[in-house]
């Protein structure tokens, strides 16, 4: 999929606020609303945008504790990996699942009512799994999501000639090549 600077601006605006009305989004990027909605649909259909989500305030939804849980497997078997992934992603407490390199095999970001809930989750949902040999928990004291996200995409050719790769930063910074 090729992108131009307007596509990159649309991605930046939607990353900062996915609920921005199409008419406002179109005005911010300098195109007609009909063109804007077509571009957003193309970005979705092309796989550049995978969804539009609400961001929750943890305290506002009763979350009093968050943690990163590092886990090691007894063996690295495809069936065990798939079974464990399916098990943890079925749990409401799991915010994010990471299959990682290094000493640990997985990291889970979990959100819970309190540390007692965390303890029960570890005992009842993780330590009972036969494929897991080691569990290490780190409490999260503060969480801040950076609204920026680097996007490395091929840009359409411009009047000057060759293709370029554009790095999009979706924060207050500007595009850099």
Protein backbone atom coordinates (compact mmCIF):
# COMPACT_ATOMS: atom_id res chain seq x y z
CA UNK A 1 0.00 0.00 0.00
CA UNK A 2 1.36 3.42 -0.92
CA UNK A 3 0.82 6.48 1.22
CA UNK A 4 1.06 10.18 0.58
CA UNK A 5 1.45 13.01 3.08
CA UNK A 6 -2.31 13.37 3.48
CA UNK A 7 -2.63 9.68 4.40
CA UNK A 8 0.08 10.22 7.02
CA UNK A 9 -1.76 13.26 8.38
CA UNK A 10 -4.97 11.23 8.60
CA UNK A 11 -3.16 8.48 10.52
CA UNK A 12 -1.71 11.07 12.91
CA UNK A 13 -5.09 12.69 13.54
CA UNK A 14 -6.87 9.38 14.09
CA UNK A 15 -4.13 8.12 16.42
CA UNK A 16 -4.60 11.22 18.55
CA UNK A 17 -8.41 10.99 18.47
CA UNK A 18 -10.20 8.19 16.62
CA UNK A 19 -13.56 9.83 17.37
CA UNK A 20 -12.85 13.01 15.43
CA UNK A 21 -15.82 13.65 13.09
CA UNK A 22 -15.02 13.13 9.42
CA UNK A 23 -15.83 16.74 8.56
CA UNK A 24 -13.36 18.00 11.20
CA UNK A 25 -10.73 15.46 10.12
CA UNK A 26 -11.13 16.54 6.49
CA UNK A 27 -10.68 20.19 7.47
CA UNK A 28 -7.54 19.42 9.48
CA UNK A 29 -5.87 17.61 6.58
CA UNK A 30 -7.17 20.00 3.89
CA UNK A 31 -9.41 17.75 1.79
CA UNK A 32 -13.14 17.37 1.11
CA UNK A 33 -15.12 15.20 3.57
CA UNK A 34 -16.06 12.71 0.81
CA UNK A 35 -12.39 12.33 -0.11
CA UNK A 36 -11.46 11.98 3.55
CA UNK A 37 -13.92 9.16 4.26
CA UNK A 38 -12.72 7.35 1.12
CA UNK A 39 -9.12 7.63 2.30
CA UNK A 40 -9.97 6.38 5.79
CA UNK A 41 -11.81 3.39 4.27
CA UNK A 42 -8.78 2.68 2.04
CA UNK A 43 -6.49 2.80 5.09
CA UNK A 44 -8.78 0.35 6.92
CA UNK A 45 -9.20 -1.96 3.92
CA UNK A 46 -5.46 -1.85 3.23
CA UNK A 47 -4.62 -2.91 6.80
CA UNK A 48 -2.98 0.32 7.96
CA UNK A 49 -5.79 0.82 10.49
CA UNK A 50 -6.93 -2.27 12.37
CA UNK A 51 -9.59 -0.72 14.60
CA UNK A 52 -10.93 2.25 16.51
CA UNK A 53 -10.90 1.98 20.30
CA UNK A 54 -11.94 3.83 23.42
CA UNK A 55 -9.24 4.44 25.98
CA UNK A 56 -10.32 3.82 29.57
CA UNK A 57 -9.31 5.58 32.75
CA UNK A 58 -8.29 2.58 34.91
CA UNK A 59 -9.60 4.08 38.16
CA UNK A 60 -12.84 5.04 36.45
CA UNK A 61 -13.55 1.37 35.68
CA UNK A 62 -12.48 -0.02 39.07
CA UNK A 63 -8.89 -0.97 38.27
CA UNK A 64 -6.75 -0.45 41.36
CA UNK A 65 -3.69 -2.49 40.34
CA UNK A 66 -1.83 -3.15 37.14
CA UNK A 67 1.18 -5.36 36.59
CA UNK A 68 3.54 -6.76 34.01
CA UNK A 69 3.90 -10.50 34.48
CA UNK A 70 6.91 -12.24 32.93
CA UNK A 71 6.57 -15.97 32.26
CA UNK A 72 8.87 -18.77 31.12
CA UNK A 73 7.76 -21.99 29.51
CA UNK A 74 9.02 -25.48 30.25
CA UNK A 75 9.42 -26.11 26.51
CA UNK A 76 8.81 -24.15 23.33
CA UNK A 77 6.28 -26.31 21.60
CA UNK A 78 3.82 -24.78 19.11
CA UNK A 79 0.85 -26.50 20.78
CA UNK A 80 1.84 -25.24 24.24
CA UNK A 81 2.41 -21.70 22.97
CA UNK A 82 -0.95 -21.64 21.18
CA UNK A 83 -2.80 -23.15 24.15
CA UNK A 84 -1.28 -20.67 26.59
CA UNK A 85 -1.97 -17.69 24.32
CA UNK A 86 -5.59 -18.78 23.93
CA UNK A 87 -5.92 -19.30 27.71
CA UNK A 88 -4.63 -15.87 28.73
CA UNK A 89 -6.38 -13.92 25.98
CA UNK A 90 -9.68 -15.37 27.19
CA UNK A 91 -9.12 -13.70 30.58
CA UNK A 92 -10.64 -10.25 31.15
CA UNK A 93 -7.69 -9.23 33.33
CA UNK A 94 -5.23 -9.45 30.41
CA UNK A 95 -4.82 -6.09 28.68
CA UNK A 96 -1.93 -7.11 26.42
CA UNK A 97 -0.08 -10.32 25.58
CA UNK A 98 3.53 -10.23 24.34
CA UNK A 99 5.55 -13.19 23.04
CA UNK A 100 9.11 -11.94 23.61
CA UNK A 101 12.76 -12.88 23.26
CA UNK A 102 15.25 -13.06 26.11
CA UNK A 103 15.05 -14.85 29.45
CA UNK A 104 11.25 -14.71 29.50
CA UNK A 105 8.94 -16.12 26.86
CA UNK A 106 5.85 -14.03 27.52
CA UNK A 107 4.87 -10.78 29.16
CA UNK A 108 1.34 -9.99 30.20
CA UNK A 109 -0.02 -6.55 31.04
CA UNK A 110 -2.85 -7.18 33.48
CA UNK A 111 -5.39 -4.86 35.10
CA UNK A 112 -7.11 -5.92 38.31
CA UNK A 113 -9.24 -4.63 41.18
CA UNK A 114 -6.39 -4.76 43.70
CA UNK A 115 -3.27 -6.75 44.67
CA UNK A 116 -5.39 -9.52 46.19
CA UNK A 117 -7.07 -9.94 42.80
CA UNK A 118 -3.57 -10.02 41.24
CA UNK A 119 -2.51 -12.75 43.67
CA UNK A 120 -5.61 -14.82 42.89
CA UNK A 121 -5.09 -14.35 39.14
CA UNK A 122 -1.49 -15.59 39.36
CA UNK A 123 -2.43 -18.58 41.50
CA UNK A 124 -5.61 -19.60 39.68
CA UNK A 125 -4.91 -18.63 36.07
CA UNK A 126 -1.14 -18.88 35.65
CA UNK A 127 0.60 -21.11 38.19
CA UNK A 128 -1.77 -23.99 37.41
CA UNK A 129 -0.62 -24.09 33.78
CA UNK A 130 1.74 -27.05 33.21
CA UNK A 131 3.64 -25.29 30.40
CA UNK A 132 4.72 -22.43 32.70
CA UNK A 133 7.85 -22.93 34.82
CA UNK A 134 8.56 -19.41 36.12
CA UNK A 135 6.42 -16.37 36.94
CA UNK A 136 7.77 -12.94 37.87
CA UNK A 137 5.49 -10.00 38.61
CA UNK A 138 6.20 -6.28 38.44
CA UNK A 139 3.62 -3.82 39.74
CA UNK A 140 2.96 -0.82 37.52
CA UNK A 141 3.04 2.40 39.51
CA UNK A 142 2.25 4.69 36.59
CA UNK A 143 1.05 4.13 33.06
CA UNK A 144 1.09 6.74 30.32
CA UNK A 145 0.36 5.97 26.70
CA UNK A 146 2.31 7.98 24.21
CA UNK A 147 -0.23 9.09 21.62
CA UNK A 148 2.60 9.08 19.12
CA UNK A 149 3.40 5.97 17.13
CA UNK A 150 6.10 5.71 14.47
CA UNK A 151 4.81 4.71 11.06
CA UNK A 152 7.38 3.73 8.44
CA UNK A 153 5.76 3.67 5.03
CA UNK A 154 6.72 4.02 1.39
CA UNK A 155 5.54 7.36 0.06
CA UNK A 156 4.11 7.72 -3.42
CA UNK A 157 6.49 9.28 -5.89
CA UNK A 158 6.36 13.03 -5.89
CA UNK A 159 7.21 15.45 -8.68
CA UNK A 160 10.87 15.28 -7.66
CA UNK A 161 11.28 11.65 -8.67
CA UNK A 162 12.16 8.69 -6.46
CA UNK A 163 10.36 6.80 -3.76
CA UNK A 164 11.17 7.73 -0.21
CA UNK A 165 10.44 6.10 3.11
CA UNK A 166 8.64 8.43 5.48
CA UNK A 167 8.76 8.22 9.25
CA UNK A 168 5.53 9.54 10.66
CA UNK A 169 5.45 10.68 14.23
CA UNK A 170 1.96 11.09 15.54
CA UNK A 171 2.85 13.33 18.42
CA UNK A 172 3.27 17.08 18.34
CA UNK A 173 6.41 16.63 16.21
CA UNK A 174 6.51 16.79 12.47
CA UNK A 175 7.09 14.26 9.72
CA UNK A 176 10.69 13.32 9.13
CA UNK A 177 12.22 11.54 6.17
